Amino acid sequence: MGSTELFHGNSAAMSEVGDREANLIIACPPYFPDSIEPVLRSGKISNDNIERMDAAIRSFAYDQRPVFEECFRVLATDGTMVVQTRDVRLAHRLVGVESIHRSLIESVGLVLVSKHLWRPEFTTKK
């Protein structure tokens, strides 16, 4: 049995890992740019900002392509990549980040094997 190394860092630049050397990649790409987080946390999204924020989130999601290309480069032929992703809610609108990530992942050559959706057993409303 060979040795195991664990790396934690930015998936867009994995220079310490050679081509097809990773047996397992666990990734959770960011869902939106840092500039949008304060607005989302405030819970005060005006209708005037929804179109602009939607476009910024979608553009940011598409900009993640180099991350998935790099993951594909280092992933062994028989390796596994686990990706946690989700959509982003802007007031009454759901921005389809998960479908953008999936299309990018498939476009670099990876194949979806399974998809799991989780929901808390108990939820509370504020």
N, C-alpha and C. Protein backbone atom coordinates (compact mmCIF):
# COMPACT_ATOMS: atom_id res chain seq x y z
N MET A 1 0.84 -1.18 0.00
CA MET A 1 0.00 0.00 0.00
C MET A 1 0.88 1.24 0.00
N GLY A 2 0.54 2.20 -0.86
CA GLY A 2 1.32 3.42 -0.99
C GLY A 2 1.03 4.41 0.11
N SER A 3 1.78 5.48 0.09
CA SER A 3 1.58 6.52 1.10
C SER A 3 0.41 7.42 0.70
N THR A 4 -0.15 8.10 1.69
CA THR A 4 -1.27 9.00 1.48
C THR A 4 -0.86 10.40 1.88
N GLU A 5 -1.13 11.37 1.02
CA GLU A 5 -0.88 12.76 1.34
C GLU A 5 -2.20 13.51 1.24
N LEU A 6 -2.39 14.43 2.14
CA LEU A 6 -3.60 15.24 2.15
C LEU A 6 -3.21 16.69 1.89
N PHE A 7 -3.89 17.31 0.92
CA PHE A 7 -3.64 18.71 0.60
C PHE A 7 -4.92 19.49 0.86
N HIS A 8 -4.77 20.67 1.41
CA HIS A 8 -5.91 21.56 1.63
C HIS A 8 -5.51 22.91 1.04
N GLY A 9 -6.29 23.37 0.08
CA GLY A 9 -5.94 24.65 -0.53
C GLY A 9 -6.87 25.01 -1.66
N ASN A 10 -6.38 25.87 -2.51
CA ASN A 10 -7.16 26.38 -3.64
C ASN A 10 -7.09 25.38 -4.79
N SER A 11 -8.23 24.91 -5.23
CA SER A 11 -8.29 23.91 -6.30
C SER A 11 -7.92 24.48 -7.66
N ALA A 12 -7.83 25.78 -7.79
CA ALA A 12 -7.48 26.37 -9.08
C ALA A 12 -5.99 26.26 -9.38
N ALA A 13 -5.18 25.98 -8.37
CA ALA A 13 -3.73 25.91 -8.57
C ALA A 13 -3.15 24.81 -7.68
N MET A 14 -3.08 23.61 -8.24
CA MET A 14 -2.57 22.47 -7.47
C MET A 14 -1.23 22.01 -8.04
N SER A 15 -0.27 22.92 -8.07
CA SER A 15 1.03 22.62 -8.67
C SER A 15 1.77 21.50 -7.93
N GLU A 16 1.46 21.29 -6.66
CA GLU A 16 2.13 20.24 -5.90
C GLU A 16 1.63 18.84 -6.26
N VAL A 17 0.58 18.76 -7.07
CA VAL A 17 0.01 17.48 -7.49
C VAL A 17 0.23 17.31 -8.99
N GLY A 18 0.80 16.17 -9.37
CA GLY A 18 1.04 15.89 -10.78
C GLY A 18 -0.21 15.43 -11.50
N ASP A 19 -0.09 15.35 -12.80
CA ASP A 19 -1.20 14.87 -13.63
C ASP A 19 -1.64 13.48 -13.20
N ARG A 20 -2.95 13.31 -13.00
CA ARG A 20 -3.58 12.02 -12.70
C ARG A 20 -3.06 11.38 -11.41
N GLU A 21 -2.62 12.19 -10.43
CA GLU A 21 -2.09 11.66 -9.17
C GLU A 21 -3.11 11.60 -8.03
N ALA A 22 -4.19 12.34 -8.12
CA ALA A 22 -5.15 12.41 -7.02
C ALA A 22 -6.20 11.31 -7.15
N ASN A 23 -6.38 10.55 -6.11
CA ASN A 23 -7.41 9.51 -6.12
C ASN A 23 -8.76 10.05 -5.66
N LEU A 24 -8.74 11.11 -4.86
CA LEU A 24 -9.97 11.68 -4.33
C LEU A 24 -9.82 13.19 -4.24
N ILE A 25 -10.81 13.89 -4.75
CA ILE A 25 -10.88 15.35 -4.61
C ILE A 25 -12.22 15.67 -3.98
N ILE A 26 -12.19 16.44 -2.91
CA ILE A 26 -13.42 16.94 -2.28
C ILE A 26 -13.39 18.45 -2.45
N ALA A 27 -14.38 18.96 -3.16
CA ALA A 27 -14.39 20.39 -3.49
C ALA A 27 -15.72 21.03 -3.12
N CYS A 28 -15.63 22.26 -2.69
CA CYS A 28 -16.82 23.06 -2.41
C CYS A 28 -16.53 24.45 -2.97
N PRO A 29 -16.79 24.62 -4.27
CA PRO A 29 -16.49 25.91 -4.87
C PRO A 29 -17.36 27.01 -4.28
N PRO A 30 -16.84 28.23 -4.24
CA PRO A 30 -17.67 29.33 -3.73
C PRO A 30 -18.87 29.56 -4.63
N TYR A 31 -19.96 30.02 -4.05
CA TYR A 31 -21.21 30.19 -4.78
C TYR A 31 -21.40 31.60 -5.32
N PHE A 32 -20.70 32.55 -4.74
CA PHE A 32 -20.88 33.95 -5.15
C PHE A 32 -19.64 34.74 -4.75
N PRO A 33 -19.42 35.90 -5.38
CA PRO A 33 -18.26 36.72 -5.04
C PRO A 33 -18.37 37.31 -3.64
N ASP A 34 -17.23 37.59 -3.04
CA ASP A 34 -17.19 38.15 -1.68
C ASP A 34 -18.01 39.43 -1.56
N SER A 35 -18.06 40.23 -2.62
CA SER A 35 -18.77 41.51 -2.56
C SER A 35 -20.28 41.35 -2.34
N ILE A 36 -20.82 40.19 -2.64
CA ILE A 36 -22.26 39.96 -2.50
C ILE A 36 -22.62 39.41 -1.13
N GLU A 37 -21.66 38.84 -0.43
CA GLU A 37 -21.96 38.21 0.86
C GLU A 37 -22.61 39.16 1.87
N PRO A 38 -22.13 40.39 2.06
CA PRO A 38 -22.79 41.27 3.04
C PRO A 38 -24.27 41.51 2.74
N VAL A 39 -24.61 41.62 1.47
CA VAL A 39 -26.01 41.84 1.10
C VAL A 39 -26.84 40.60 1.43
N LEU A 40 -26.31 39.42 1.11
CA LEU A 40 -27.02 38.18 1.40
C LEU A 40 -27.20 38.00 2.91
N ARG A 41 -26.17 38.31 3.67
CA ARG A 41 -26.25 38.16 5.13
C ARG A 41 -27.24 39.13 5.75
N SER A 42 -27.37 40.30 5.15
CA SER A 42 -28.28 41.30 5.70
C SER A 42 -29.74 40.89 5.52
N GLY A 43 -29.99 40.08 4.49
CA GLY A 43 -31.37 39.68 4.20
C GLY A 43 -32.19 40.79 3.58
N LYS A 44 -31.53 41.88 3.21
CA LYS A 44 -32.23 43.03 2.65
C LYS A 44 -31.82 43.19 1.18
N ILE A 45 -32.47 42.43 0.33
CA ILE A 45 -32.17 42.48 -1.09
C ILE A 45 -33.30 43.25 -1.77
N SER A 46 -32.96 44.40 -2.32
CA SER A 46 -33.99 45.20 -2.98
C SER A 46 -34.24 44.65 -4.39
N ASN A 47 -35.44 44.83 -4.85
CA ASN A 47 -35.79 44.37 -6.20
C ASN A 47 -34.90 45.02 -7.27
N ASP A 48 -34.42 46.23 -6.98
CA ASP A 48 -33.55 46.93 -7.92
C ASP A 48 -32.21 46.22 -8.09
N ASN A 49 -31.77 45.51 -7.05
CA ASN A 49 -30.46 44.85 -7.09
C ASN A 49 -30.50 43.40 -7.57
N ILE A 50 -31.68 42.81 -7.65
CA ILE A 50 -31.76 41.38 -7.95
C ILE A 50 -31.15 41.05 -9.31
N GLU A 51 -31.48 41.79 -10.34
CA GLU A 51 -30.93 41.51 -11.68
C GLU A 51 -29.41 41.60 -11.68
N ARG A 52 -28.88 42.65 -11.07
CA ARG A 52 -27.43 42.86 -11.03
C ARG A 52 -26.75 41.75 -10.25
N MET A 53 -27.33 41.38 -9.10
CA MET A 53 -26.74 40.33 -8.27
C MET A 53 -26.83 38.97 -8.96
N ASP A 54 -27.95 38.70 -9.60
CA ASP A 54 -28.12 37.44 -10.34
C ASP A 54 -27.02 37.32 -11.40
N ALA A 55 -26.82 38.37 -12.18
CA ALA A 55 -25.80 38.36 -13.23
C ALA A 55 -24.39 38.18 -12.65
N ALA A 56 -24.11 38.84 -11.52
CA ALA A 56 -22.80 38.72 -10.89
C ALA A 56 -22.55 37.31 -10.37
N ILE A 57 -23.57 36.70 -9.79
CA ILE A 57 -23.44 35.33 -9.27
C ILE A 57 -23.23 34.35 -10.42
N ARG A 58 -24.00 34.49 -11.49
CA ARG A 58 -23.84 33.59 -12.64
C ARG A 58 -22.46 33.74 -13.28
N SER A 59 -22.02 34.97 -13.45
CA SER A 59 -20.70 35.22 -14.03
C SER A 59 -19.61 34.61 -13.15
N PHE A 60 -19.73 34.80 -11.85
CA PHE A 60 -18.76 34.24 -10.90
C PHE A 60 -18.74 32.71 -10.99
N ALA A 61 -19.91 32.09 -11.10
CA ALA A 61 -19.98 30.63 -11.20
C ALA A 61 -19.27 30.15 -12.47
N TYR A 62 -19.50 30.82 -13.59
CA TYR A 62 -18.83 30.43 -14.84
C TYR A 62 -17.32 30.64 -14.75
N ASP A 63 -16.90 31.62 -13.97
CA ASP A 63 -15.46 31.87 -13.81
C ASP A 63 -14.75 30.75 -13.05
N GLN A 64 -15.49 29.79 -12.51
CA GLN A 64 -14.89 28.66 -11.77
C GLN A 64 -14.35 27.58 -12.70
N ARG A 65 -14.52 27.72 -14.00
CA ARG A 65 -14.06 26.70 -14.94
C ARG A 65 -12.60 26.28 -14.72
N PRO A 66 -11.65 27.22 -14.52
CA PRO A 66 -10.26 26.79 -14.30
C PRO A 66 -10.10 25.85 -13.11
N VAL A 67 -10.95 26.01 -12.09
CA VAL A 67 -10.90 25.12 -10.93
C VAL A 67 -11.22 23.69 -11.37
N PHE A 68 -12.27 23.52 -12.14
CA PHE A 68 -12.66 22.18 -12.58
C PHE A 68 -11.68 21.61 -13.59
N GLU A 69 -11.08 22.46 -14.42
CA GLU A 69 -10.04 21.99 -15.34
C GLU A 69 -8.84 21.45 -14.57
N GLU A 70 -8.46 22.16 -13.52
CA GLU A 70 -7.32 21.73 -12.70
C GLU A 70 -7.66 20.43 -11.96
N CYS A 71 -8.87 20.32 -11.46
CA CYS A 71 -9.29 19.07 -10.81
C CYS A 71 -9.22 17.91 -11.79
N PHE A 72 -9.68 18.13 -13.01
CA PHE A 72 -9.63 17.08 -14.03
C PHE A 72 -8.19 16.69 -14.33
N ARG A 73 -7.28 17.67 -14.38
CA ARG A 73 -5.87 17.40 -14.65
C ARG A 73 -5.25 16.47 -13.62
N VAL A 74 -5.55 16.71 -12.35
CA VAL A 74 -4.88 15.94 -11.30
C VAL A 74 -5.61 14.66 -10.92
N LEU A 75 -6.88 14.53 -11.29
CA LEU A 75 -7.67 13.37 -10.89
C LEU A 75 -7.24 12.12 -11.65
N ALA A 76 -6.96 11.06 -10.91
CA ALA A 76 -6.58 9.78 -11.52
C ALA A 76 -7.73 9.26 -12.37
N THR A 77 -7.40 8.46 -13.36
CA THR A 77 -8.41 7.91 -14.27
C THR A 77 -9.51 7.18 -13.52
N ASP A 78 -9.15 6.48 -12.46
CA ASP A 78 -10.15 5.77 -11.65
C ASP A 78 -10.47 6.51 -10.36
N GLY A 79 -10.14 7.81 -10.31
CA GLY A 79 -10.37 8.61 -9.11
C GLY A 79 -11.80 9.09 -8.99
N THR A 80 -12.07 9.74 -7.87
CA THR A 80 -13.41 10.25 -7.57
C THR A 80 -13.31 11.71 -7.16
N MET A 81 -14.25 12.49 -7.65
CA MET A 81 -14.35 13.89 -7.24
C MET A 81 -15.73 14.09 -6.62
N VAL A 82 -15.74 14.60 -5.40
CA VAL A 82 -16.98 14.90 -4.70
C VAL A 82 -17.10 16.43 -4.66
N VAL A 83 -18.24 16.94 -5.13
CA VAL A 83 -18.44 18.38 -5.18
C VAL A 83 -19.69 18.74 -4.40
N GLN A 84 -19.53 19.66 -3.47
CA GLN A 84 -20.69 20.20 -2.77
C GLN A 84 -21.02 21.53 -3.42
N THR A 85 -22.22 21.65 -3.93
CA THR A 85 -22.65 22.88 -4.56
C THR A 85 -24.13 23.09 -4.31
N ARG A 86 -24.59 24.28 -4.53
CA ARG A 86 -26.01 24.57 -4.29
C ARG A 86 -26.39 25.82 -5.08
N ASP A 87 -27.68 26.08 -5.12
CA ASP A 87 -28.19 27.29 -5.73
C ASP A 87 -28.21 28.41 -4.70
N VAL A 88 -28.36 29.64 -5.16
CA VAL A 88 -28.38 30.80 -4.27
C VAL A 88 -29.75 31.48 -4.39
N ARG A 89 -30.36 31.74 -3.24
CA ARG A 89 -31.66 32.40 -3.23
C ARG A 89 -31.47 33.91 -3.09
N LEU A 90 -32.08 34.63 -4.03
CA LEU A 90 -32.15 36.09 -3.98
C LEU A 90 -33.61 36.47 -3.85
N ALA A 91 -34.05 36.71 -2.65
CA ALA A 91 -35.46 37.03 -2.38
C ALA A 91 -36.35 35.95 -3.00
N HIS A 92 -37.13 36.29 -4.00
CA HIS A 92 -38.05 35.34 -4.62
C HIS A 92 -37.41 34.52 -5.75
N ARG A 93 -36.15 34.77 -6.07
CA ARG A 93 -35.49 34.13 -7.21
C ARG A 93 -34.42 33.14 -6.76
N LEU A 94 -34.32 32.03 -7.45
CA LEU A 94 -33.29 31.03 -7.20
C LEU A 94 -32.30 31.08 -8.36
N VAL A 95 -31.04 31.37 -8.06
CA VAL A 95 -29.99 31.44 -9.09
C VAL A 95 -29.37 30.05 -9.21
N GLY A 96 -29.39 29.48 -10.40
CA GLY A 96 -28.98 28.09 -10.63
C GLY A 96 -27.49 27.85 -10.67
N VAL A 97 -26.81 28.08 -9.57
CA VAL A 97 -25.36 27.87 -9.49
C VAL A 97 -25.02 26.39 -9.65
N GLU A 98 -25.81 25.52 -9.05
CA GLU A 98 -25.54 24.08 -9.13
C GLU A 98 -25.53 23.61 -10.58
N SER A 99 -26.45 24.06 -11.39
CA SER A 99 -26.48 23.62 -12.78
C SER A 99 -25.31 24.19 -13.58
N ILE A 100 -24.86 25.38 -13.24
CA ILE A 100 -23.68 25.95 -13.89
C ILE A 100 -22.45 25.13 -13.54
N HIS A 101 -22.29 24.83 -12.25
CA HIS A 101 -21.15 24.00 -11.83
C HIS A 101 -21.18 22.65 -12.53
N ARG A 102 -22.37 22.05 -12.57
CA ARG A 102 -22.47 20.74 -13.22
C ARG A 102 -22.09 20.82 -14.70
N SER A 103 -22.57 21.84 -15.40
CA SER A 103 -22.24 21.95 -16.83
C SER A 103 -20.73 22.15 -17.03
N LEU A 104 -20.10 22.91 -16.15
CA LEU A 104 -18.65 23.11 -16.24
C LEU A 104 -17.90 21.81 -15.96
N ILE A 105 -18.33 21.09 -14.94
CA ILE A 105 -17.68 19.82 -14.59
C ILE A 105 -17.79 18.83 -15.75
N GLU A 106 -18.96 18.74 -16.34
CA GLU A 106 -19.14 17.82 -17.46
C GLU A 106 -18.36 18.29 -18.69
N SER A 107 -18.24 19.60 -18.88
CA SER A 107 -17.54 20.11 -20.07
C SER A 107 -16.05 19.85 -20.03
N VAL A 108 -15.46 19.67 -18.83
CA VAL A 108 -14.03 19.36 -18.76
C VAL A 108 -13.77 17.87 -18.89
N GLY A 109 -14.82 17.05 -18.89
CA GLY A 109 -14.62 15.63 -19.13
C GLY A 109 -15.02 14.70 -18.01
N LEU A 110 -15.55 15.22 -16.93
CA LEU A 110 -15.98 14.36 -15.83
C LEU A 110 -17.44 13.95 -16.03
N VAL A 111 -17.81 12.83 -15.43
CA VAL A 111 -19.14 12.27 -15.61
C VAL A 111 -19.83 12.19 -14.25
N LEU A 112 -21.08 12.65 -14.19
CA LEU A 112 -21.87 12.57 -12.96
C LEU A 112 -22.27 11.13 -12.72
N VAL A 113 -21.95 10.61 -11.53
CA VAL A 113 -22.28 9.24 -11.19
C VAL A 113 -23.49 9.20 -10.26
N SER A 114 -23.54 10.10 -9.30
CA SER A 114 -24.69 10.16 -8.41
C SER A 114 -24.85 11.57 -7.87
N LYS A 115 -26.06 11.83 -7.40
CA LYS A 115 -26.38 13.14 -6.86
C LYS A 115 -27.18 12.91 -5.59
N HIS A 116 -26.79 13.58 -4.53
CA HIS A 116 -27.49 13.42 -3.25
C HIS A 116 -28.00 14.78 -2.80
N LEU A 117 -29.23 14.80 -2.36
CA LEU A 117 -29.84 16.00 -1.82
C LEU A 117 -30.14 15.74 -0.35
N TRP A 118 -29.79 16.68 0.48
CA TRP A 118 -30.00 16.52 1.92
C TRP A 118 -30.88 17.65 2.42
N ARG A 119 -31.69 17.34 3.39
CA ARG A 119 -32.57 18.32 3.99
C ARG A 119 -32.57 18.06 5.49
N PRO A 120 -32.51 19.13 6.31
CA PRO A 120 -32.56 18.91 7.75
C PRO A 120 -33.87 18.23 8.17
N GLU A 121 -33.77 17.36 9.14
CA GLU A 121 -34.98 16.69 9.64
C GLU A 121 -35.94 17.70 10.26
N PHE A 122 -35.36 18.66 11.00
CA PHE A 122 -36.16 19.69 11.63
C PHE A 122 -35.64 21.05 11.17
N THR A 123 -36.53 21.93 10.80
CA THR A 123 -36.12 23.27 10.42
C THR A 123 -36.91 24.29 11.23
N THR A 124 -36.30 25.42 11.44
CA THR A 124 -36.98 26.50 12.15
C THR A 124 -37.04 27.70 11.25
N LYS A 125 -38.06 28.48 11.40
CA LYS A 125 -38.18 29.71 10.63
C LYS A 125 -37.98 30.89 11.55
N LYS A 126 -37.27 31.89 11.08
CA LYS A 126 -37.03 33.08 11.88
C LYS A 126 -38.25 33.98 11.86
